[in-house]
Structures are given as C-alpha cells and as structure tokens.
Amino acid sequence: MSTLEHLGPALAPVLVEVLENPESSWEELVRVRYVLARRASTLTENFVPRLRTLLARELAEPTLRRPPGTSCPAAPAPGCEAIFDACTPRAAYVASVLAAYERQGAEAAPEVLQALQRADVRLTPVALQALVAFDSPAAVSSVLQQLAVPECRARALTSLASLGPVARPAATEPLLRLLATGKERWERARAAEALGRLGDPAALKALRQAVYEPHSEVQAAAVRALGSYTFRAYAHELEPLFQQVLTTHASPVARSHARWALQSLAGQEVRPADPSEPASVLPGRGLDWQMCQGPTSIQLYWEKPKTPSREGPCAAVPDVDFASVLEAMGEACLVGRDFGEFGGTLEVHEAGRVTVLEEPHANPLQAVWVHGTLVVVEGLAHLFGGDGRLVRVEASEGRWRATPWVELPGAPLAHGLDKEGNLVVGTTDQRLDEVFCGRAGTSAPAHVLRVAGDGRLAPVGPDGRP
C-alpha cells in the first residue's frame, strides 16, 4: 500500500478504474479508497467529473450494487461512523473519495445528496461526511439529527464546527442548549467550539458565562471560541476578558487560548508562555525525558508503534510501516496514521471490516491504556505553536467510537503513567521554527500535566506532585 500511495498521480487513473470495475472486491475497494482519498489534492487530471459520473451510475441502480459474492440478509443498525465491509455499497467508496476533494468536489453535491436520500445505513454516513466536506447547506439538517443521537454527537459536533457559518442560524439554538445542559463535559466543550466557528453574536453571552463554568475543559473551549476570527468584530469588548483569563484563570489551557487571542488581536507573533503561566521544563531533547530526580520522579517517554504480531489482529493491516498508532484490541486493531498539517486517519481494522473513526483532520500520535480504557494522544506542532487532545476509543453494541476526552494546552511531547495509573502528559506551544532553529534553547518550555480519571488537568510541580 505504501508503494501505491507514493506513486501518487501516475497511478491515480488505474486506481479510479478499480472503483469503476463492478468486479472489484471490497478489499480492493477499501485500499483504493484510502490511497485516492489521501492523494486527492495532488491529482493532476480533473477526476471530479469522472467520479461524479460514476456515482450517478451507481445511484441509478434500483438496488445499490455491492462488491461481488456478498450476502447481507439483515441491515445493521444505523450509525454515524463510516464502515467499509462486504455490505458497503460501491457508491460509498466513490462518495468517500469525492469528499477528499472538499470544496473542489462541491460540484458533485447533487449526486451526494441523492446518495444521502437512499437511506442506506452504510452509504448515509459517508454521503453526509462528503456534504460536510463540501460546506454544503444541505448537510445541516441531517447533522442536527445526528446531534440528537448520543452515539453520534461527537461526529455531529465536529461536522457543525467544520460547516461553520454555513450552519448558522439553524445550529445556534441547539448548540446553546447543549452548552447549557449537556451531561458530558466534552459535549459542552465541543458545543462551545462549534459556536465559535459559527460566529453567531447570539452565542456571545453564553460563551462568556462558560469561561468560568465548573469544568476546565468547557472553560478553555469557551475562551478559544471567543478568540475565533468569527468574533473579531467584538474584539474591543472581549479584550479585557482575555486579559483577565491570562492573569488569573486556573486552567492552563484557558490561559493558553487567551494568550493566542490577545496576540492575534495585536498582530504579534505567537510566543512561548508568559511568566504568568506556570510552566515546567523537560530536560534534554531526547525521546525519553525524566521530569525530576528522586523517588517521586515521573518518567515521560514516547514510543514508536509496536511491530504487529504475525498472529495478532494487526498482522493483516496494510502499510503498517507508516502507522503512528498500532494497538491490538481483542480481535480488532486500532490503526492511526499521522500526516502532519495534512491531517490523518484513525481506523479500526477487523476481519472483513474497516471502521473509519476520524479523518482527515485527526493527528493520532500515540495510544496508551489508562485505567482500562484505550486513549489516543492526538496533536500537531506547527509554525504557529501547537495543539493537542486526548480521545477515548471504545466499543458499544458492536460499534466503535472515538469520543473526545481532554483538550491539551499545546502539542504533545511525551507521556507517562504515575503510580496511581493516571496519565501524565508533557506538551508545548513553542513555535516549531524556534525549536528547530535553536532559538528555543536546550529545553523548550512545556506544560507537564496530570490527567485525572474524570479528565481534569492539574499541573505537575518540580517534585512530581500537583
């Protein structure tokens, strides 16, 4: 698969032929979908009309065509994750590739909307994700229906944030309601983030109140939302709030977002943490960092993905050399691929099925078991600083989900577990060019934070204690 991917544009016409071939197996289709979706922006030919014609052809069939030799007597329960297996219609693979063109693929929106209207449980989530990628207003009503389903809420919130102003005003009221009454803190935090992307002035009062709501995750998300470009017209009245958060707020993530907002308003470069932000220092530059000396020290480290066992569930995963996450989960294998500023993918591979949990904007870096739950550390260090998050991967009623857990105050550098089994993460929001050009010094400033079982963040002091 790595060879296929790196051949890029030269091989694209051949791969499209695999999509067009009614005899292609589901294994061939799922691999071709992955390669074409990763390389859509580099294709030199105009493939959108060709794919649009192919999608129309598949949808013209009275019964959606599926890979040959399949038998699907019972339809699975509706879901929101993209699932590719022997029962997935061929149209879903085409729609998924079109989604990778994002706004360039918007001319195919009529066909994708038609695919959504077929109400096939395998095709619907893929078609909806394609419409979201096209920034299509036609996606809003379906995404709001997803928002009402707890199992699909994380996906819906991500979609609404991606749609941004396109979803305004229809999504503002339900998002405000979720911000005020959501049972899970990540739901309220993601609702605040989406409201920041929508930029509806009607959300300003609720977001300002959320800056000091009980949970740090929601507080930080509200600060980040208020600092969004969509609220730039209200910068004058928000600036005092950002100054207050920067100097007095308890959440390191909220302070980090406030600093970004203030520096963005002033037109200054993003710099390392202000002295007002308590920060720890990770000695050295290697992959293994020890935070402090003595019996209370915490070893922070970063491991490469494990080599898959020849007999385990990860043995048959294609292109494992390019995986950033490779973790066995019973009979399944969690596979993450990180492509830096170009995003990444997070998938669960099982015998005869691939479930796409996150794409294309995830950056999965590492998987770690925390109190019996598999947590994926995601993040990106770039020229304007860094960001990161923790995502839980869980199965429910035979379906896999990636659920947001914690927003981190910068790009993840390393992690460890303390003696109670809690996760400890070192992060930095240092500019990437300063790190690599040597201007950051021998030790880049970093937050070292302990993540409690309920997701609360606590800075770790020089003695290894909060």
Protein backbone atom coordinates (compact mmCIF):
# COMPACT_ATOMS: atom_id res chain seq x y z
CA MET A 1 0.00 0.00 0.00
CA SER A 2 2.85 2.40 0.75
CA THR A 3 4.15 1.82 -2.78
CA LEU A 4 0.71 2.57 -4.21
CA GLU A 5 0.40 5.75 -2.21
CA HIS A 6 3.81 7.13 -3.13
CA LEU A 7 3.27 6.56 -6.82
CA GLY A 8 0.62 9.25 -6.44
CA PRO A 9 -0.78 10.93 -9.57
CA ALA A 10 0.83 8.48 -12.02
CA LEU A 11 -1.22 5.61 -10.62
CA ALA A 12 -4.46 7.51 -9.94
CA PRO A 13 -6.14 6.67 -13.30
CA VAL A 14 -5.55 2.96 -12.68
CA LEU A 15 -6.99 3.22 -9.17
CA VAL A 16 -10.08 5.00 -10.46
CA GLU A 17 -10.54 2.08 -12.84
CA VAL A 18 -10.68 -0.21 -9.80
CA LEU A 19 -13.55 1.91 -8.46
CA GLU A 20 -15.29 1.66 -11.83
CA ASN A 21 -14.85 -2.10 -12.13
CA PRO A 22 -18.01 -3.87 -10.84
CA GLU A 23 -15.93 -6.98 -10.11
CA SER A 24 -13.57 -5.29 -7.65
CA SER A 25 -13.58 -6.93 -4.23
CA TRP A 26 -14.27 -4.98 -1.04
CA GLU A 27 -10.60 -5.41 -0.02
CA GLU A 28 -9.51 -3.75 -3.28
CA LEU A 29 -12.09 -1.01 -2.94
CA VAL A 30 -11.17 -0.16 0.64
CA ARG A 31 -7.47 0.11 -0.20
CA VAL A 32 -8.07 2.18 -3.32
CA ARG A 33 -10.39 4.46 -1.38
CA TYR A 34 -7.67 5.09 1.18
CA VAL A 35 -4.99 5.94 -1.40
CA LEU A 36 -7.20 8.18 -3.55
CA ALA A 37 -8.57 9.98 -0.50
CA ARG A 38 -5.04 10.73 0.69
CA ARG A 39 -3.84 11.95 -2.72
CA ALA A 40 -6.86 13.87 -3.98
CA SER A 41 -5.17 17.28 -3.79
CA THR A 42 -2.18 16.11 -5.86
CA LEU A 43 -4.05 14.60 -8.79
CA THR A 44 -3.21 16.45 -12.00
CA GLU A 45 -6.22 15.30 -14.01
CA ASN A 46 -9.74 16.51 -13.38
CA PHE A 47 -11.13 13.43 -11.69
CA VAL A 48 -14.18 15.05 -10.06
CA PRO A 49 -16.39 14.84 -13.20
CA ARG A 50 -15.31 11.24 -13.73
CA LEU A 51 -16.11 10.30 -10.14
CA ARG A 52 -19.36 12.25 -10.29
CA THR A 53 -20.43 10.28 -13.35
CA LEU A 54 -19.50 7.03 -11.64
CA LEU A 55 -21.50 7.94 -8.52
CA ALA A 56 -24.54 8.83 -10.64
CA ARG A 57 -24.23 5.48 -12.40
CA GLU A 58 -24.17 3.57 -9.11
CA LEU A 59 -27.14 5.51 -7.75
CA ALA A 60 -29.16 4.86 -10.91
CA GLU A 61 -29.38 1.18 -9.97
CA PRO A 62 -32.73 0.25 -8.37
CA THR A 63 -30.77 -1.79 -5.82
CA LEU A 64 -27.42 -0.40 -4.77
CA ARG A 65 -24.61 -2.57 -6.05
CA ARG A 66 -22.18 -4.10 -3.57
CA PRO A 67 -18.93 -6.00 -4.09
CA PRO A 68 -19.43 -9.41 -5.73
CA GLY A 69 -20.04 -12.53 -3.66
CA THR A 70 -21.64 -10.71 -0.73
CA SER A 71 -24.72 -11.65 1.21
CA CYS A 72 -26.31 -9.09 3.54
CA PRO A 73 -29.57 -10.56 4.80
CA ALA A 74 -30.00 -8.18 7.73
CA ALA A 75 -29.32 -4.47 7.69
CA PRO A 76 -27.22 -3.26 10.63
CA ALA A 77 -28.49 -0.57 12.97
CA PRO A 78 -27.99 3.00 11.72
CA GLY A 79 -24.75 4.64 12.84
CA CYS A 80 -22.62 7.69 12.21
CA GLU A 81 -19.17 6.19 11.58
CA ALA A 82 -18.05 5.23 8.09
CA ILE A 83 -17.91 1.42 7.83
CA PHE A 84 -16.42 -0.33 4.83
CA ASP A 85 -17.09 -4.04 4.51
CA ALA A 86 -18.60 -6.52 2.08
CA CYS A 87 -22.06 -4.98 2.60
CA THR A 88 -20.99 -1.39 1.89
CA PRO A 89 -22.42 -0.17 -1.45
CA ARG A 90 -19.91 0.67 -4.15
CA ALA A 91 -21.35 4.19 -4.17
CA ALA A 92 -19.96 4.76 -0.67
CA TYR A 93 -16.38 4.27 -1.83
CA VAL A 94 -16.89 6.81 -4.63
CA ALA A 95 -18.54 9.33 -2.32
CA SER A 96 -15.69 8.95 0.18
CA VAL A 97 -13.07 9.75 -2.47
CA LEU A 98 -15.10 12.76 -3.64
CA ALA A 99 -15.18 14.03 -0.04
CA ALA A 100 -11.39 14.23 -0.06
CA TYR A 101 -11.62 16.96 -2.72
CA GLU A 102 -13.53 19.07 -0.18
CA ARG A 103 -14.61 22.37 -1.78
CA GLN A 104 -13.24 21.30 -5.15
CA GLY A 105 -15.64 18.38 -5.07
CA ALA A 106 -18.68 20.54 -4.33
CA GLU A 107 -19.88 20.23 -7.93
CA ALA A 108 -20.77 16.63 -7.05
CA ALA A 109 -23.07 17.75 -4.20
CA PRO A 110 -26.29 16.91 -6.14
CA GLU A 111 -25.22 13.29 -6.58
CA VAL A 112 -24.01 13.02 -2.98
CA LEU A 113 -27.31 14.44 -1.74
CA GLN A 114 -29.08 11.81 -3.82
CA ALA A 115 -26.88 9.19 -2.13
CA LEU A 116 -27.93 10.53 1.26
CA GLN A 117 -31.57 10.18 0.27
CA ARG A 118 -31.13 6.47 -0.49
CA ALA A 119 -31.15 5.94 3.31
CA ASP A 120 -28.72 3.02 3.19
CA VAL A 121 -27.11 2.55 6.61
CA ARG A 122 -23.66 2.03 5.06
CA LEU A 123 -23.96 4.84 2.50
CA THR A 124 -25.65 7.52 4.62
CA PRO A 125 -22.74 8.38 6.97
CA VAL A 126 -20.27 8.56 4.06
CA ALA A 127 -22.56 10.76 1.98
CA LEU A 128 -23.20 13.07 4.93
CA GLN A 129 -19.48 13.43 5.62
CA ALA A 130 -18.96 14.30 1.95
CA LEU A 131 -21.59 17.05 2.10
CA VAL A 132 -19.91 18.43 5.22
CA ALA A 133 -16.57 18.43 3.39
CA PHE A 134 -18.23 20.39 0.57
CA ASP A 135 -19.52 23.00 3.07
CA SER A 136 -22.98 22.23 1.73
CA PRO A 137 -26.01 23.79 3.49
CA ALA A 138 -27.87 20.60 2.59
CA ALA A 139 -25.88 18.78 5.29
CA VAL A 140 -27.07 20.92 8.20
CA SER A 141 -30.47 19.32 8.84
CA SER A 142 -29.03 15.78 8.80
CA VAL A 143 -26.15 16.76 11.08
CA LEU A 144 -28.63 18.27 13.55
CA GLN A 145 -30.50 14.95 13.53
CA GLN A 146 -27.19 13.27 14.41
CA LEU A 147 -26.71 15.77 17.23
CA ALA A 148 -29.81 14.38 18.93
CA VAL A 149 -28.35 10.85 18.99
CA PRO A 150 -25.86 10.37 21.87
CA GLU A 151 -23.77 7.83 19.95
CA CYS A 152 -23.37 10.27 17.04
CA ARG A 153 -22.96 13.50 19.00
CA ALA A 154 -19.17 13.70 18.75
CA ARG A 155 -19.29 13.30 14.97
CA ALA A 156 -22.13 15.85 14.67
CA LEU A 157 -20.28 18.45 16.74
CA THR A 158 -17.18 18.03 14.60
CA SER A 159 -19.31 18.42 11.47
CA LEU A 160 -21.00 21.59 12.74
CA ALA A 161 -17.64 23.11 13.60
CA SER A 162 -16.42 22.26 10.10
CA LEU A 163 -19.51 23.78 8.46
CA GLY A 164 -19.07 26.98 10.47
CA PRO A 165 -21.17 29.93 9.24
CA VAL A 166 -22.97 27.61 6.79
CA ALA A 167 -24.76 26.09 9.80
CA ARG A 168 -25.86 29.47 11.17
CA PRO A 169 -28.56 30.21 12.31
CA ALA A 170 -30.14 26.73 12.32
CA ALA A 171 -27.49 25.23 14.62
CA THR A 172 -27.03 28.09 17.09
CA GLU A 173 -30.00 27.31 19.32
CA PRO A 174 -29.38 23.53 19.67
CA LEU A 175 -25.69 24.19 20.34
CA LEU A 176 -26.52 26.75 23.03
CA ARG A 177 -28.90 24.25 24.59
CA LEU A 178 -26.18 21.58 24.60
CA LEU A 179 -23.66 24.04 26.07
CA ALA A 180 -26.06 24.74 28.94
CA THR A 181 -27.44 21.26 29.62
CA GLY A 182 -25.07 18.67 28.12
CA LYS A 183 -24.45 15.77 30.51
CA GLU A 184 -20.85 15.24 29.40
CA ARG A 185 -18.26 17.98 29.74
CA TRP A 186 -16.78 17.15 26.32
CA GLU A 187 -20.22 17.71 24.79
CA ARG A 188 -20.41 21.18 26.29
CA ALA A 189 -16.81 21.92 25.29
CA ARG A 190 -17.34 20.81 21.69
CA ALA A 191 -20.60 22.81 21.58
CA ALA A 192 -18.65 25.91 22.64
CA GLU A 193 -16.02 25.22 19.98
CA ALA A 194 -18.68 24.84 17.29
CA LEU A 195 -20.38 28.08 18.39
CA GLY A 196 -17.05 29.83 17.92
CA ARG A 197 -16.84 28.54 14.37
CA LEU A 198 -20.43 29.59 13.60
CA GLY A 199 -19.78 33.11 14.88
CA ASP A 200 -23.38 33.95 15.78
CA PRO A 201 -23.45 37.03 18.09
CA ALA A 202 -26.36 35.38 19.91
CA ALA A 203 -23.81 33.00 21.46
CA LEU A 204 -21.54 35.66 22.98
CA LYS A 205 -23.32 35.92 26.34
CA ALA A 206 -23.43 32.16 26.91
CA LEU A 207 -19.78 31.74 25.90
CA ARG A 208 -18.66 34.50 28.28
CA GLN A 209 -20.53 32.78 31.10
CA ALA A 210 -18.96 29.43 30.18
CA VAL A 211 -15.46 30.84 30.66
CA TYR A 212 -15.99 30.35 34.42
CA GLU A 213 -18.29 27.32 34.41
CA PRO A 214 -17.25 24.46 36.75
CA HIS A 215 -15.21 22.29 34.36
CA SER A 216 -11.86 23.40 32.95
CA GLU A 217 -12.48 21.70 29.61
CA VAL A 218 -15.56 23.83 28.96
CA GLN A 219 -13.84 26.95 30.27
CA ALA A 220 -10.96 26.56 27.83
CA ALA A 221 -13.25 25.80 24.89
CA ALA A 222 -15.26 28.94 25.61
CA VAL A 223 -12.12 31.10 25.65
CA ARG A 224 -10.97 29.56 22.40
CA ALA A 225 -14.39 30.14 20.82
CA LEU A 226 -14.45 33.80 21.86
CA GLY A 227 -10.99 34.24 20.37
CA SER A 228 -12.15 32.92 17.00
CA TYR A 229 -11.87 35.05 13.90
CA THR A 230 -15.65 34.96 13.56
CA PHE A 231 -15.94 37.17 16.67
CA ARG A 232 -13.23 39.63 15.63
CA ALA A 233 -15.82 42.43 15.36
CA TYR A 234 -16.32 42.16 19.14
CA ALA A 235 -12.61 42.21 19.98
CA HIS A 236 -12.76 45.51 21.86
CA GLU A 237 -15.28 44.26 24.41
CA LEU A 238 -13.64 40.82 24.68
CA GLU A 239 -10.05 42.00 25.19
CA PRO A 240 -10.48 42.76 28.94
CA LEU A 241 -11.87 39.26 29.42
CA PHE A 242 -8.83 37.72 27.69
CA GLN A 243 -6.50 39.80 29.89
CA GLN A 244 -8.31 38.61 33.00
CA VAL A 245 -8.15 34.97 31.90
CA LEU A 246 -4.44 35.24 31.06
CA THR A 247 -3.52 36.54 34.51
CA THR A 248 -5.99 34.87 36.88
CA HIS A 249 -7.63 31.81 35.33
CA ALA A 250 -6.89 28.43 36.92
CA SER A 251 -6.91 26.46 33.64
CA PRO A 252 -3.58 26.36 31.76
CA VAL A 253 -5.47 25.59 28.56
CA ALA A 254 -7.74 28.64 29.02
CA ARG A 255 -4.69 30.84 29.66
CA SER A 256 -3.02 29.49 26.54
CA HIS A 257 -6.07 30.28 24.39
CA ALA A 258 -6.36 33.75 25.91
CA ARG A 259 -2.75 34.49 25.07
CA TRP A 260 -3.29 33.38 21.49
CA ALA A 261 -6.38 35.58 21.23
CA LEU A 262 -4.58 38.66 22.59
CA GLN A 263 -1.56 38.21 20.36
CA SER A 264 -3.79 37.63 17.35
CA LEU A 265 -5.64 40.87 18.08
CA ALA A 266 -2.35 42.75 18.44
CA GLY A 267 -0.93 41.26 15.24
CA GLN A 268 2.08 39.85 17.10
CA GLU A 269 3.79 36.51 16.62
CA VAL A 270 2.77 33.67 18.88
CA ARG A 271 5.46 33.36 21.55
CA PRO A 272 6.22 30.89 24.36
CA ALA A 273 4.20 31.00 27.55
CA ASP A 274 4.13 34.26 29.51
CA PRO A 275 5.64 34.28 33.01
CA SER A 276 2.07 34.42 34.32
CA GLU A 277 1.63 30.84 33.17
CA PRO A 278 3.30 28.32 35.49
CA ALA A 279 5.31 26.01 33.29
CA SER A 280 7.61 23.08 33.87
CA VAL A 281 10.73 22.26 31.88
CA LEU A 282 11.51 18.92 30.33
CA PRO A 283 15.31 18.45 30.46
CA GLY A 284 17.03 17.39 27.26
CA ARG A 285 15.82 16.80 23.73
CA GLY A 286 15.66 13.01 23.52
CA LEU A 287 12.65 10.73 23.29
CA ASP A 288 12.97 9.89 27.00
CA TRP A 289 12.63 12.74 29.48
CA GLN A 290 12.70 12.44 33.25
CA MET A 291 10.80 15.26 34.83
CA CYS A 292 12.64 15.33 38.15
CA GLN A 293 15.05 13.37 40.32
CA GLY A 294 14.28 11.29 43.38
CA PRO A 295 11.66 8.75 44.41
CA THR A 296 8.74 10.88 43.17
CA SER A 297 10.10 11.32 39.64
CA ILE A 298 7.90 10.63 36.63
CA GLN A 299 9.45 9.17 33.51
CA LEU A 300 7.98 10.72 30.38
CA TYR A 301 8.60 8.90 27.13
CA TRP A 302 7.39 8.44 23.58
CA GLU A 303 7.30 5.01 21.99
CA LYS A 304 7.11 4.01 18.37
CA PRO A 305 4.16 1.80 17.38
CA LYS A 306 4.71 -1.84 18.19
CA THR A 307 5.63 -4.28 15.45
CA PRO A 308 2.45 -6.30 14.79
CA SER A 309 2.44 -9.92 15.76
CA ARG A 310 2.25 -12.30 12.81
CA GLU A 311 -0.70 -13.96 14.53
CA GLY A 312 -2.45 -10.96 16.11
CA PRO A 313 -5.27 -8.77 14.77
CA CYS A 314 -2.74 -6.21 13.45
CA ALA A 315 -0.89 -8.76 11.30
CA ALA A 316 -3.01 -8.21 8.19
CA VAL A 317 -3.14 -4.40 8.36
CA PRO A 318 -1.71 -2.89 5.16
CA ASP A 319 1.04 -0.27 5.24
CA VAL A 320 1.94 -0.77 8.91
CA ASP A 321 5.35 0.85 8.38
CA PHE A 322 3.60 4.22 8.10
CA ALA A 323 1.32 3.81 11.12
CA SER A 324 1.75 6.15 14.08
CA VAL A 325 -0.66 4.09 16.20
CA LEU A 326 -0.93 0.32 16.11
CA GLU A 327 -2.73 -1.27 19.02
CA ALA A 328 -4.48 -4.62 19.38
CA MET A 329 -7.94 -4.50 20.97
CA GLY A 330 -9.18 -8.06 21.31
CA GLU A 331 -9.87 -9.28 17.78
CA ALA A 332 -9.53 -5.77 16.34
CA CYS A 333 -6.57 -3.49 15.59
CA LEU A 334 -6.57 0.29 16.07
CA VAL A 335 -4.56 1.94 13.29
CA GLY A 336 -3.62 5.62 13.29
CA ARG A 337 -1.74 7.47 10.57
CA ASP A 338 -0.43 11.00 11.07
CA PHE A 339 0.26 13.22 8.04
CA GLY A 340 1.16 16.39 9.93
CA GLU A 341 -0.54 19.54 8.67
CA PHE A 342 -2.41 17.39 6.11
CA GLY A 343 -4.32 15.59 8.88
CA GLY A 344 -4.50 11.88 9.44
CA THR A 345 -6.77 8.90 9.95
CA LEU A 346 -7.86 6.73 12.84
CA GLU A 347 -9.38 3.38 11.90
CA VAL A 348 -10.35 0.07 13.48
CA HIS A 349 -9.44 -2.94 11.35
CA GLU A 350 -11.27 -6.21 11.92
CA ALA A 351 -11.68 -9.36 9.87
CA GLY A 352 -13.83 -8.24 6.94
CA ARG A 353 -14.44 -4.70 8.16
CA VAL A 354 -12.74 -1.29 8.47
CA THR A 355 -14.37 1.41 10.61
CA VAL A 356 -13.13 4.96 9.99
CA LEU A 357 -13.28 6.83 13.29
CA GLU A 358 -11.61 10.11 12.37
CA GLU A 359 -10.42 11.68 9.14
CA PRO A 360 -8.97 13.77 7.63
CA HIS A 361 -8.13 16.29 10.36
CA ALA A 362 -7.03 13.98 13.17
CA ASN A 363 -3.34 13.67 14.05
CA PRO A 364 -3.07 10.41 16.04
CA LEU A 365 0.36 10.15 17.63
CA GLN A 366 0.24 7.51 20.33
CA ALA A 367 -2.10 5.07 22.07
CA VAL A 368 -1.92 4.36 25.79
CA TRP A 369 -4.12 2.34 28.13
CA VAL A 370 -5.40 4.46 31.03
CA HIS A 371 -7.44 2.72 33.75
CA GLY A 372 -8.53 0.06 31.27
CA THR A 373 -9.54 2.50 28.51
CA LEU A 374 -7.58 2.99 25.31
CA VAL A 375 -6.69 6.66 24.91
CA VAL A 376 -5.25 8.12 21.70
CA VAL A 377 -2.97 11.13 22.06
CA GLU A 378 -3.51 13.48 19.12
CA GLY A 379 -1.83 16.75 18.25
CA LEU A 380 0.22 18.86 15.91
CA ALA A 381 3.24 21.12 16.39
CA HIS A 382 3.48 23.72 13.64
CA LEU A 383 4.81 27.18 12.81
CA PHE A 384 2.19 28.93 14.92
CA GLY A 385 2.53 26.88 18.08
CA GLY A 386 0.81 23.60 18.80
CA ASP A 387 -2.37 21.94 19.99
CA GLY A 388 -3.35 18.53 21.25
CA ARG A 389 -6.14 16.42 22.62
CA LEU A 390 -6.93 13.04 24.14
CA VAL A 391 -9.56 10.80 22.55
CA ARG A 392 -11.04 7.63 24.00
CA VAL A 393 -11.67 4.66 21.70
CA GLU A 394 -14.46 2.39 22.85
CA ALA A 395 -16.85 -0.24 21.53
CA SER A 396 -20.57 -0.26 22.22
CA GLU A 397 -23.04 -2.81 20.86
CA GLY A 398 -20.54 -3.98 18.28
CA ARG A 399 -19.73 -0.46 17.05
CA TRP A 400 -16.54 1.50 17.55
CA ARG A 401 -16.48 5.17 18.52
CA ALA A 402 -13.84 7.82 19.11
CA THR A 403 -15.06 10.06 21.96
CA PRO A 404 -13.37 13.37 22.84
CA TRP A 405 -11.93 13.41 26.33
CA VAL A 406 -9.43 16.21 27.08
CA GLU A 407 -8.10 19.28 25.27
CA LEU A 408 -4.36 19.79 25.90
CA PRO A 409 -2.55 23.16 26.20
CA GLY A 410 -0.22 22.51 23.29
CA ALA A 411 1.32 19.78 21.15
CA PRO A 412 2.07 16.52 23.00
CA LEU A 413 5.77 15.82 23.54
CA ALA A 414 5.79 12.80 25.81
CA HIS A 415 3.66 10.88 28.26
CA GLY A 416 3.87 8.61 31.26
CA LEU A 417 1.75 6.98 33.97
CA ASP A 418 2.09 7.87 37.63
CA LYS A 419 1.92 5.29 40.43
CA GLU A 420 -1.88 5.61 40.56
CA GLY A 421 -2.14 4.85 36.85
CA ASN A 422 -3.12 8.40 35.87
CA LEU A 423 -1.83 9.77 32.60
CA VAL A 424 0.86 12.47 32.73
CA VAL A 425 1.48 14.43 29.52
CA GLY A 426 4.18 16.91 28.56
CA THR A 427 3.10 19.47 25.96
CA THR A 428 4.46 22.64 24.40
CA ASP A 429 3.04 25.54 22.42
CA GLN A 430 6.53 26.60 21.31
CA ARG A 431 6.77 27.76 17.69
CA LEU A 432 8.13 24.87 15.64
CA ASP A 433 10.61 27.05 13.74
CA GLU A 434 12.13 28.27 17.01
CA VAL A 435 12.57 24.72 18.24
CA PHE A 436 14.35 23.52 15.10
CA CYS A 437 16.36 26.71 14.55
CA GLY A 438 17.76 26.51 18.06
CA ARG A 439 16.20 29.71 19.34
CA ALA A 440 14.20 27.82 21.94
CA GLY A 441 17.27 26.90 23.96
CA THR A 442 18.27 23.44 25.12
CA SER A 443 14.94 22.92 26.87
CA ALA A 444 11.68 24.02 25.31
CA PRO A 445 9.15 25.33 27.86
CA ALA A 446 6.39 22.84 28.42
CA HIS A 447 3.35 22.16 30.49
CA VAL A 448 3.52 18.91 32.43
CA LEU A 449 0.01 17.92 33.41
CA ARG A 450 -1.63 15.06 35.23
CA VAL A 451 -4.98 13.92 33.79
CA ALA A 452 -7.37 12.71 36.45
CA GLY A 453 -9.87 9.95 35.84
CA ASP A 454 -12.63 12.48 35.21
CA GLY A 455 -10.49 14.37 32.68
CA ARG A 456 -9.48 17.27 34.90
CA LEU A 457 -6.00 18.68 34.30
CA ALA A 458 -3.60 19.52 37.12
CA PRO A 459 -0.08 20.97 36.65
CA VAL A 460 2.68 18.73 37.99
CA GLY A 461 5.25 20.54 40.12
CA PRO A 462 9.03 20.05 40.31
CA ASP A 463 8.61 17.35 42.96
CA GLY A 464 6.26 15.32 40.77
CA ARG A 465 3.17 16.38 42.72
CA PRO A 466 0.25 18.69 41.71
